[in-house]
Amino acid sequence: MTCAWIANSHGCKVDEGSIHPCIINGKDYGQLLYTLGVLGWLMLVTIPGGLFAFVIWLIVLILHRERWRNRFGVPPPIPPSPATASAP
């Protein structure tokens, strides 16, 4: 983690229990490093949650395209991107 690297390179301590002073170039970055360290724990929830949401979205997309194909015989067209639409 970046906050641990910054703290270790300046001889500071970072943990999720409390804020420790960390003076870098005359300014205390202890609160910022603590916040960054605690936000690292948020990753433990958001990455699996995002993966779960992506799998659900993918299942819904596959089911939608399959039903579209059964109903109309062709999949819905994918519109061209704006960069290629204006090309001659």
C-alpha atoms as a PDB file:
ATOM      1  CA  MET A   1       0.000   0.000   0.000  1.00  0.00           C
ATOM      2  CA  THR A   2       1.154   3.468  -0.814  1.00  0.00           C
ATOM      3  CA  CYS A   3       0.455   4.915   2.630  1.00  0.00           C
ATOM      4  CA  ALA A   4       2.620   2.257   4.304  1.00  0.00           C
ATOM      5  CA  TRP A   5       5.443   2.931   1.844  1.00  0.00           C
ATOM      6  CA  ILE A   6       5.267   6.695   2.479  1.00  0.00           C
ATOM      7  CA  ALA A   7       5.138   6.216   6.258  1.00  0.00           C
ATOM      8  CA  ASN A   8       8.016   3.717   6.317  1.00  0.00           C
ATOM      9  CA  SER A   9      10.216   5.870   4.108  1.00  0.00           C
ATOM     10  CA  HIS A  10       9.790   8.787   6.552  1.00  0.00           C
ATOM     11  CA  GLY A  11      10.068   6.734   9.744  1.00  0.00           C
ATOM     12  CA  CYS A  12       6.392   7.022  10.697  1.00  0.00           C
ATOM     13  CA  LYS A  13       3.952   4.484  12.087  1.00  0.00           C
ATOM     14  CA  VAL A  14       0.588   3.807  10.425  1.00  0.00           C
ATOM     15  CA  ASP A  15      -2.106   1.493  11.755  1.00  0.00           C
ATOM     16  CA  GLU A  16      -5.892   1.365  11.822  1.00  0.00           C
ATOM     17  CA  GLY A  17      -6.080   1.763  15.598  1.00  0.00           C
ATOM     18  CA  SER A  18      -5.230   5.440  15.924  1.00  0.00           C
ATOM     19  CA  ILE A  19      -3.666   8.432  14.219  1.00  0.00           C
ATOM     20  CA  HIS A  20       0.074   8.866  14.732  1.00  0.00           C
ATOM     21  CA  PRO A  21       1.929  12.077  13.922  1.00  0.00           C
ATOM     22  CA  CYS A  22       3.997  11.878  10.750  1.00  0.00           C
ATOM     23  CA  ILE A  23       6.010  14.981   9.961  1.00  0.00           C
ATOM     24  CA  ILE A  24       7.091  15.214   6.309  1.00  0.00           C
ATOM     25  CA  ASN A  25       8.846  18.432   5.218  1.00  0.00           C
ATOM     26  CA  GLY A  26       7.514  20.256   8.278  1.00  0.00           C
ATOM     27  CA  LYS A  27       3.860  19.273   7.828  1.00  0.00           C
ATOM     28  CA  ASP A  28       1.922  16.600   9.735  1.00  0.00           C
ATOM     29  CA  TYR A  29       0.449  13.999   7.365  1.00  0.00           C
ATOM     30  CA  GLY A  30      -0.665  11.578  10.100  1.00  0.00           C
ATOM     31  CA  GLN A  31      -4.413  12.090   9.500  1.00  0.00           C
ATOM     32  CA  LEU A  32      -4.075  11.650   5.733  1.00  0.00           C
ATOM     33  CA  LEU A  33      -1.979   8.494   6.059  1.00  0.00           C
ATOM     34  CA  TYR A  34      -4.428   7.071   8.619  1.00  0.00           C
ATOM     35  CA  THR A  35      -7.360   7.748   6.267  1.00  0.00           C
ATOM     36  CA  LEU A  36      -5.561   6.147   3.330  1.00  0.00           C
ATOM     37  CA  GLY A  37      -4.679   3.119   5.435  1.00  0.00           C
ATOM     38  CA  VAL A  38      -8.242   2.617   6.654  1.00  0.00           C
ATOM     39  CA  LEU A  39      -9.618   3.054   3.124  1.00  0.00           C
ATOM     40  CA  GLY A  40      -7.429   0.106   2.146  1.00  0.00           C
ATOM     41  CA  TRP A  41      -9.756  -2.064   4.237  1.00  0.00           C
ATOM     42  CA  LEU A  42     -12.695  -0.792   2.188  1.00  0.00           C
ATOM     43  CA  MET A  43     -11.160  -2.639  -0.745  1.00  0.00           C
ATOM     44  CA  LEU A  44     -11.951  -5.941   0.995  1.00  0.00           C
ATOM     45  CA  VAL A  45     -15.671  -5.200   0.592  1.00  0.00           C
ATOM     46  CA  THR A  46     -15.812  -3.254  -2.657  1.00  0.00           C
ATOM     47  CA  ILE A  47     -13.803  -5.594  -4.877  1.00  0.00           C
ATOM     48  CA  PRO A  48     -15.919  -8.720  -4.127  1.00  0.00           C
ATOM     49  CA  GLY A  49     -19.083  -6.594  -4.236  1.00  0.00           C
ATOM     50  CA  GLY A  50     -18.121  -5.143  -7.602  1.00  0.00           C
ATOM     51  CA  LEU A  51     -17.264  -8.579  -8.941  1.00  0.00           C
ATOM     52  CA  PHE A  52     -20.639  -9.900  -7.770  1.00  0.00           C
ATOM     53  CA  ALA A  53     -22.456  -6.960  -9.419  1.00  0.00           C
ATOM     54  CA  PHE A  54     -20.523  -7.519 -12.659  1.00  0.00           C
ATOM     55  CA  VAL A  55     -21.478 -11.217 -12.754  1.00  0.00           C
ATOM     56  CA  ILE A  56     -25.153 -10.358 -12.173  1.00  0.00           C
ATOM     57  CA  TRP A  57     -24.996  -7.703 -14.930  1.00  0.00           C
ATOM     58  CA  LEU A  58     -23.349 -10.185 -17.311  1.00  0.00           C
ATOM     59  CA  ILE A  59     -26.045 -12.804 -16.646  1.00  0.00           C
ATOM     60  CA  VAL A  60     -28.795 -10.238 -17.258  1.00  0.00           C
ATOM     61  CA  LEU A  61     -27.080  -9.106 -20.481  1.00  0.00           C
ATOM     62  CA  ILE A  62     -26.787 -12.670 -21.793  1.00  0.00           C
ATOM     63  CA  LEU A  63     -30.428 -13.427 -20.950  1.00  0.00           C
ATOM     64  CA  HIS A  64     -31.585 -10.173 -22.555  1.00  0.00           C
ATOM     65  CA  ARG A  65     -29.672 -10.786 -25.791  1.00  0.00           C
ATOM     66  CA  GLU A  66     -30.923 -14.373 -25.955  1.00  0.00           C
ATOM     67  CA  ARG A  67     -34.534 -13.287 -25.573  1.00  0.00           C
ATOM     68  CA  TRP A  68     -34.021 -10.523 -28.148  1.00  0.00           C
ATOM     69  CA  ARG A  69     -32.591 -13.051 -30.586  1.00  0.00           C
ATOM     70  CA  ASN A  70     -35.539 -15.418 -30.032  1.00  0.00           C
ATOM     71  CA  ARG A  71     -38.022 -12.593 -30.482  1.00  0.00           C
ATOM     72  CA  PHE A  72     -36.590 -10.722 -33.482  1.00  0.00           C
ATOM     73  CA  GLY A  73     -34.087 -13.154 -34.989  1.00  0.00           C
ATOM     74  CA  VAL A  74     -31.080 -10.802 -34.813  1.00  0.00           C
ATOM     75  CA  PRO A  75     -29.225  -9.231 -31.907  1.00  0.00           C
ATOM     76  CA  PRO A  76     -29.655  -5.514 -31.298  1.00  0.00           C
ATOM     77  CA  PRO A  77     -27.138  -3.452 -33.277  1.00  0.00           C
ATOM     78  CA  ILE A  78     -24.204  -1.924 -31.481  1.00  0.00           C
ATOM     79  CA  PRO A  79     -24.002   1.765 -32.400  1.00  0.00           C
ATOM     80  CA  PRO A  80     -20.656   3.020 -33.739  1.00  0.00           C
ATOM     81  CA  SER A  81     -18.544   5.193 -31.488  1.00  0.00           C
ATOM     82  CA  PRO A  82     -18.652   8.951 -32.174  1.00  0.00           C
ATOM     83  CA  ALA A  83     -15.036   8.905 -33.392  1.00  0.00           C
ATOM     84  CA  THR A  84     -15.775   6.390 -36.183  1.00  0.00           C
ATOM     85  CA  ALA A  85     -19.243   7.730 -37.008  1.00  0.00           C
ATOM     86  CA  SER A  86     -17.877  11.032 -38.320  1.00  0.00           C
ATOM     87  CA  ALA A  87     -15.211   9.412 -40.512  1.00  0.00           C
ATOM     88  CA  PRO A  88     -15.948   9.474 -44.278  1.00  0.00           C
END
